């Protein structure tokens, strides 16, 4: 009887942890090439050619290497990593990481 109770408790803990991991608010990252950008959206094309759309907010941070940057510094065609969260069915960009500026 103790084994059945222990097994049931372990199973319940595993199921609860799976549900907790499935909820929103977790950060993800996407790597690719900037396909388009405007005031509110950024489109990133991955290596397979799939385009991913991200919403840009006032809180979105832009970094070029280790230096702070801005949306105006983003160049279509350059490689990038976008850190984002899913909110209300949208991919909201938290941070856009760009490579160091080529001279």
N, C-alpha and C. Protein backbone atom coordinates (compact mmCIF):
# COMPACT_ATOMS: atom_id res chain seq x y z
N UNK A 1 0.82 -1.20 0.00
CA UNK A 1 0.00 0.00 0.00
C UNK A 1 0.87 1.27 0.00
N UNK A 2 1.97 1.23 0.77
CA UNK A 2 2.85 2.39 0.83
C UNK A 2 3.49 2.66 -0.53
N UNK A 3 3.81 1.60 -1.26
CA UNK A 3 4.41 1.76 -2.59
C UNK A 3 3.44 2.41 -3.57
N UNK A 4 2.19 2.03 -3.49
CA UNK A 4 1.18 2.61 -4.39
C UNK A 4 1.00 4.09 -4.07
N UNK A 5 0.95 4.44 -2.79
CA UNK A 5 0.82 5.84 -2.39
C UNK A 5 2.03 6.64 -2.84
N UNK A 6 3.23 6.08 -2.65
CA UNK A 6 4.45 6.75 -3.07
C UNK A 6 4.48 6.95 -4.59
N UNK A 7 4.11 5.92 -5.32
CA UNK A 7 4.09 6.00 -6.78
C UNK A 7 3.08 7.04 -7.25
N UNK A 8 1.91 7.08 -6.63
CA UNK A 8 0.88 8.04 -7.00
C UNK A 8 1.35 9.47 -6.70
N UNK A 9 2.03 9.65 -5.58
CA UNK A 9 2.54 10.97 -5.21
C UNK A 9 3.60 11.42 -6.20
N UNK A 10 4.52 10.54 -6.55
CA UNK A 10 5.55 10.87 -7.53
C UNK A 10 4.94 11.22 -8.89
N UNK A 11 3.96 10.46 -9.31
CA UNK A 11 3.29 10.71 -10.59
C UNK A 11 2.61 12.08 -10.57
N UNK A 12 1.94 12.40 -9.47
CA UNK A 12 1.26 13.69 -9.35
C UNK A 12 2.28 14.84 -9.41
N UNK A 13 3.42 14.67 -8.76
CA UNK A 13 4.46 15.72 -8.79
C UNK A 13 4.99 15.90 -10.21
N UNK A 14 5.21 14.82 -10.93
CA UNK A 14 5.68 14.92 -12.31
C UNK A 14 4.67 15.62 -13.20
N UNK A 15 3.41 15.28 -13.04
CA UNK A 15 2.38 15.91 -13.87
C UNK A 15 2.25 17.40 -13.56
N UNK A 16 2.36 17.78 -12.29
CA UNK A 16 2.26 19.20 -11.93
C UNK A 16 3.45 19.99 -12.47
N UNK A 17 4.63 19.39 -12.46
CA UNK A 17 5.79 20.11 -12.99
C UNK A 17 5.68 20.30 -14.49
N UNK A 18 5.10 19.35 -15.20
CA UNK A 18 4.89 19.48 -16.64
C UNK A 18 3.94 20.62 -16.95
N UNK A 19 2.87 20.74 -16.20
CA UNK A 19 1.90 21.83 -16.39
C UNK A 19 2.57 23.16 -16.09
N UNK A 20 3.38 23.23 -15.05
CA UNK A 20 4.06 24.48 -14.70
C UNK A 20 5.00 24.92 -15.81
N UNK A 21 5.68 23.99 -16.47
CA UNK A 21 6.59 24.34 -17.55
C UNK A 21 5.86 24.77 -18.82
N UNK A 22 4.62 24.38 -18.98
CA UNK A 22 3.88 24.68 -20.20
C UNK A 22 3.29 26.09 -20.21
N UNK A 23 3.24 26.77 -19.08
CA UNK A 23 2.61 28.10 -19.07
C UNK A 23 3.54 29.16 -19.66
N UNK A 24 2.96 30.28 -20.03
CA UNK A 24 3.71 31.35 -20.67
C UNK A 24 4.67 32.04 -19.72
N UNK A 25 5.41 33.01 -20.24
CA UNK A 25 6.34 33.76 -19.42
C UNK A 25 7.76 33.25 -19.46
N UNK A 26 7.98 32.16 -20.16
CA UNK A 26 9.34 31.64 -20.29
C UNK A 26 10.02 32.29 -21.47
N UNK A 27 11.29 32.57 -21.32
CA UNK A 27 12.05 33.18 -22.41
C UNK A 27 12.56 32.12 -23.37
N UNK A 28 12.52 32.45 -24.64
CA UNK A 28 13.00 31.59 -25.70
C UNK A 28 13.98 32.41 -26.54
N UNK A 29 14.74 31.74 -27.39
CA UNK A 29 15.58 32.50 -28.31
C UNK A 29 15.44 31.95 -29.72
N UNK A 30 15.59 32.84 -30.67
CA UNK A 30 15.52 32.50 -32.09
C UNK A 30 16.75 33.10 -32.76
N UNK A 31 17.38 32.31 -33.62
CA UNK A 31 18.58 32.76 -34.32
C UNK A 31 18.29 32.81 -35.81
N UNK A 32 18.83 33.81 -36.48
CA UNK A 32 18.63 33.91 -37.91
C UNK A 32 19.12 35.22 -38.47
N UNK A 33 18.53 35.59 -39.59
CA UNK A 33 18.89 36.81 -40.30
C UNK A 33 17.70 37.76 -40.29
N UNK A 34 17.97 39.04 -40.05
CA UNK A 34 16.90 40.03 -40.06
C UNK A 34 16.33 40.11 -41.48
N UNK A 35 15.03 39.81 -41.63
CA UNK A 35 14.38 39.88 -42.93
C UNK A 35 13.65 41.21 -43.12
N UNK A 36 13.14 41.78 -42.02
CA UNK A 36 12.44 43.07 -42.09
C UNK A 36 12.33 43.63 -40.68
N UNK A 37 12.21 44.96 -40.61
CA UNK A 37 12.01 45.62 -39.31
C UNK A 37 11.29 46.93 -39.54
N UNK A 38 10.35 47.25 -38.65
CA UNK A 38 9.73 48.57 -38.64
C UNK A 38 9.56 48.98 -37.18
N UNK A 39 8.76 49.99 -36.91
CA UNK A 39 8.62 50.51 -35.55
C UNK A 39 8.05 49.48 -34.58
N UNK A 40 7.20 48.58 -35.06
CA UNK A 40 6.48 47.68 -34.16
C UNK A 40 6.82 46.20 -34.34
N UNK A 41 7.50 45.83 -35.43
CA UNK A 41 7.72 44.41 -35.71
C UNK A 41 9.11 44.15 -36.26
N UNK A 42 9.59 42.94 -35.98
CA UNK A 42 10.85 42.47 -36.53
C UNK A 42 10.60 41.07 -37.08
N UNK A 43 11.06 40.82 -38.30
CA UNK A 43 10.93 39.50 -38.90
C UNK A 43 12.32 38.90 -39.02
N UNK A 44 12.45 37.67 -38.51
CA UNK A 44 13.71 36.96 -38.51
C UNK A 44 13.55 35.69 -39.34
N UNK A 45 14.45 35.47 -40.29
CA UNK A 45 14.42 34.25 -41.12
C UNK A 45 15.47 33.28 -40.57
N UNK A 46 15.04 32.06 -40.24
CA UNK A 46 16.00 31.09 -39.72
C UNK A 46 16.74 30.41 -40.86
N UNK A 47 17.63 29.48 -40.54
CA UNK A 47 18.47 28.84 -41.56
C UNK A 47 17.68 27.99 -42.54
N UNK A 48 16.46 27.62 -42.16
CA UNK A 48 15.61 26.82 -43.05
C UNK A 48 14.69 27.70 -43.89
N UNK A 49 14.81 29.02 -43.72
CA UNK A 49 14.00 29.95 -44.51
C UNK A 49 12.65 30.29 -43.89
N UNK A 50 12.36 29.74 -42.72
CA UNK A 50 11.10 30.05 -42.04
C UNK A 50 11.21 31.42 -41.40
N UNK A 51 10.20 32.25 -41.61
CA UNK A 51 10.20 33.59 -41.03
C UNK A 51 9.42 33.60 -39.73
N UNK A 52 9.98 34.28 -38.73
CA UNK A 52 9.37 34.40 -37.41
C UNK A 52 9.13 35.88 -37.14
N UNK A 53 7.92 36.22 -36.71
CA UNK A 53 7.53 37.60 -36.47
C UNK A 53 7.58 37.90 -34.98
N UNK A 54 8.21 39.02 -34.61
CA UNK A 54 8.32 39.44 -33.22
C UNK A 54 7.77 40.84 -33.06
N UNK A 55 7.06 41.07 -31.98
CA UNK A 55 6.56 42.40 -31.66
C UNK A 55 7.65 43.15 -30.89
N UNK A 56 7.91 44.38 -31.30
CA UNK A 56 8.88 45.24 -30.62
C UNK A 56 8.09 46.19 -29.73
N UNK A 57 8.52 46.31 -28.47
CA UNK A 57 7.87 47.22 -27.53
C UNK A 57 8.89 48.27 -27.06
N UNK A 58 8.44 49.20 -26.27
CA UNK A 58 9.35 50.19 -25.70
C UNK A 58 10.38 49.53 -24.79
N UNK A 59 10.04 48.37 -24.24
CA UNK A 59 10.93 47.67 -23.33
C UNK A 59 11.95 46.79 -24.05
N UNK A 60 11.81 46.60 -25.36
CA UNK A 60 12.74 45.76 -26.11
C UNK A 60 14.13 46.40 -26.10
N UNK A 61 15.12 45.62 -25.68
CA UNK A 61 16.51 46.11 -25.65
C UNK A 61 17.23 45.65 -26.91
N UNK A 62 18.06 46.51 -27.44
CA UNK A 62 18.89 46.18 -28.60
C UNK A 62 20.35 46.25 -28.17
N UNK A 63 21.11 45.23 -28.50
CA UNK A 63 22.54 45.17 -28.16
C UNK A 63 23.34 44.87 -29.42
N UNK A 64 24.43 45.58 -29.61
CA UNK A 64 25.37 45.28 -30.69
C UNK A 64 26.66 44.88 -30.00
N UNK A 65 26.97 43.57 -30.04
CA UNK A 65 28.09 43.07 -29.27
C UNK A 65 27.77 43.26 -27.79
N UNK A 66 28.63 43.99 -27.08
CA UNK A 66 28.40 44.25 -25.66
C UNK A 66 27.87 45.66 -25.41
N UNK A 67 27.64 46.42 -26.47
CA UNK A 67 27.19 47.81 -26.35
C UNK A 67 25.69 47.93 -26.61
N UNK A 68 25.04 48.85 -25.89
CA UNK A 68 23.63 49.14 -26.14
C UNK A 68 23.49 49.74 -27.53
N UNK A 69 22.40 49.41 -28.18
CA UNK A 69 22.13 49.88 -29.53
C UNK A 69 20.67 50.32 -29.60
N UNK A 70 20.16 50.52 -30.81
CA UNK A 70 18.75 50.89 -30.97
C UNK A 70 18.17 50.23 -32.21
N UNK A 71 16.87 50.31 -32.33
CA UNK A 71 16.18 49.73 -33.47
C UNK A 71 16.69 50.33 -34.78
N UNK A 72 17.02 51.60 -34.75
CA UNK A 72 17.49 52.29 -35.96
C UNK A 72 18.82 51.75 -36.46
N UNK A 73 19.58 51.06 -35.60
CA UNK A 73 20.88 50.51 -35.99
C UNK A 73 20.78 49.13 -36.64
N UNK A 74 19.60 48.54 -36.62
CA UNK A 74 19.42 47.20 -37.17
C UNK A 74 19.43 47.27 -38.69
N UNK A 75 20.18 46.37 -39.32
CA UNK A 75 20.30 46.33 -40.77
C UNK A 75 19.71 45.03 -41.29
N UNK A 76 18.80 45.14 -42.26
CA UNK A 76 18.23 43.95 -42.88
C UNK A 76 19.36 43.13 -43.49
N UNK A 77 19.34 41.84 -43.24
CA UNK A 77 20.35 40.94 -43.78
C UNK A 77 21.41 40.52 -42.78
N UNK A 78 21.48 41.21 -41.62
CA UNK A 78 22.50 40.82 -40.64
C UNK A 78 21.98 39.73 -39.71
N UNK A 79 22.92 38.96 -39.17
CA UNK A 79 22.59 37.87 -38.26
C UNK A 79 22.17 38.45 -36.91
N UNK A 80 21.27 37.73 -36.23
CA UNK A 80 20.75 38.22 -34.97
C UNK A 80 20.23 37.07 -34.12
N UNK A 81 20.16 37.32 -32.82
CA UNK A 81 19.49 36.42 -31.89
C UNK A 81 18.41 37.25 -31.21
N UNK A 82 17.18 36.74 -31.18
CA UNK A 82 16.08 37.44 -30.53
C UNK A 82 15.66 36.62 -29.32
N UNK A 83 15.73 37.25 -28.14
CA UNK A 83 15.21 36.64 -26.91
C UNK A 83 13.78 37.14 -26.79
N UNK A 84 12.83 36.21 -26.62
CA UNK A 84 11.42 36.61 -26.63
C UNK A 84 10.59 35.77 -25.67
N UNK A 85 9.39 36.28 -25.39
CA UNK A 85 8.39 35.57 -24.60
C UNK A 85 7.10 35.54 -25.40
N UNK A 86 6.33 34.49 -25.21
CA UNK A 86 5.01 34.42 -25.83
C UNK A 86 4.01 35.08 -24.88
N UNK A 87 3.30 36.11 -25.38
CA UNK A 87 2.30 36.83 -24.61
C UNK A 87 1.09 37.07 -25.48
N UNK A 88 -0.06 36.65 -25.02
CA UNK A 88 -1.31 36.87 -25.74
C UNK A 88 -1.23 36.42 -27.19
N UNK A 89 -0.59 35.29 -27.44
CA UNK A 89 -0.49 34.74 -28.79
C UNK A 89 0.54 35.40 -29.68
N UNK A 90 1.34 36.32 -29.12
CA UNK A 90 2.37 37.01 -29.90
C UNK A 90 3.75 36.67 -29.35
N UNK A 91 4.76 36.75 -30.19
CA UNK A 91 6.15 36.63 -29.77
C UNK A 91 6.65 38.04 -29.50
N UNK A 92 6.85 38.38 -28.23
CA UNK A 92 7.26 39.73 -27.84
C UNK A 92 8.77 39.74 -27.60
N UNK A 93 9.48 40.54 -28.37
CA UNK A 93 10.94 40.62 -28.28
C UNK A 93 11.34 41.30 -26.97
N UNK A 94 12.17 40.60 -26.19
CA UNK A 94 12.71 41.15 -24.96
C UNK A 94 14.05 41.81 -25.27
N UNK A 95 14.88 41.09 -26.06
CA UNK A 95 16.20 41.61 -26.42
C UNK A 95 16.56 41.15 -27.82
N UNK A 96 17.16 42.04 -28.60
CA UNK A 96 17.64 41.74 -29.93
C UNK A 96 19.16 41.89 -29.88
N UNK A 97 19.86 40.77 -30.09
CA UNK A 97 21.33 40.78 -30.02
C UNK A 97 21.89 40.78 -31.45
N UNK A 98 22.71 41.77 -31.72
CA UNK A 98 23.34 41.91 -33.03
C UNK A 98 24.83 41.69 -32.87
N UNK A 99 25.47 41.28 -33.96
CA UNK A 99 26.91 41.11 -33.92
C UNK A 99 27.63 42.43 -33.83
N UNK A 100 28.92 42.40 -33.49
CA UNK A 100 29.68 43.66 -33.44
C UNK A 100 29.69 44.34 -34.79
N UNK A 101 29.72 45.65 -34.78
CA UNK A 101 29.69 46.42 -36.03
C UNK A 101 30.97 46.18 -36.83
N UNK A 102 30.79 45.88 -38.09
CA UNK A 102 31.93 45.64 -38.97
C UNK A 102 32.49 46.99 -39.43
N UNK A 103 33.80 47.12 -39.40
CA UNK A 103 34.42 48.38 -39.83
C UNK A 103 35.21 48.19 -41.09
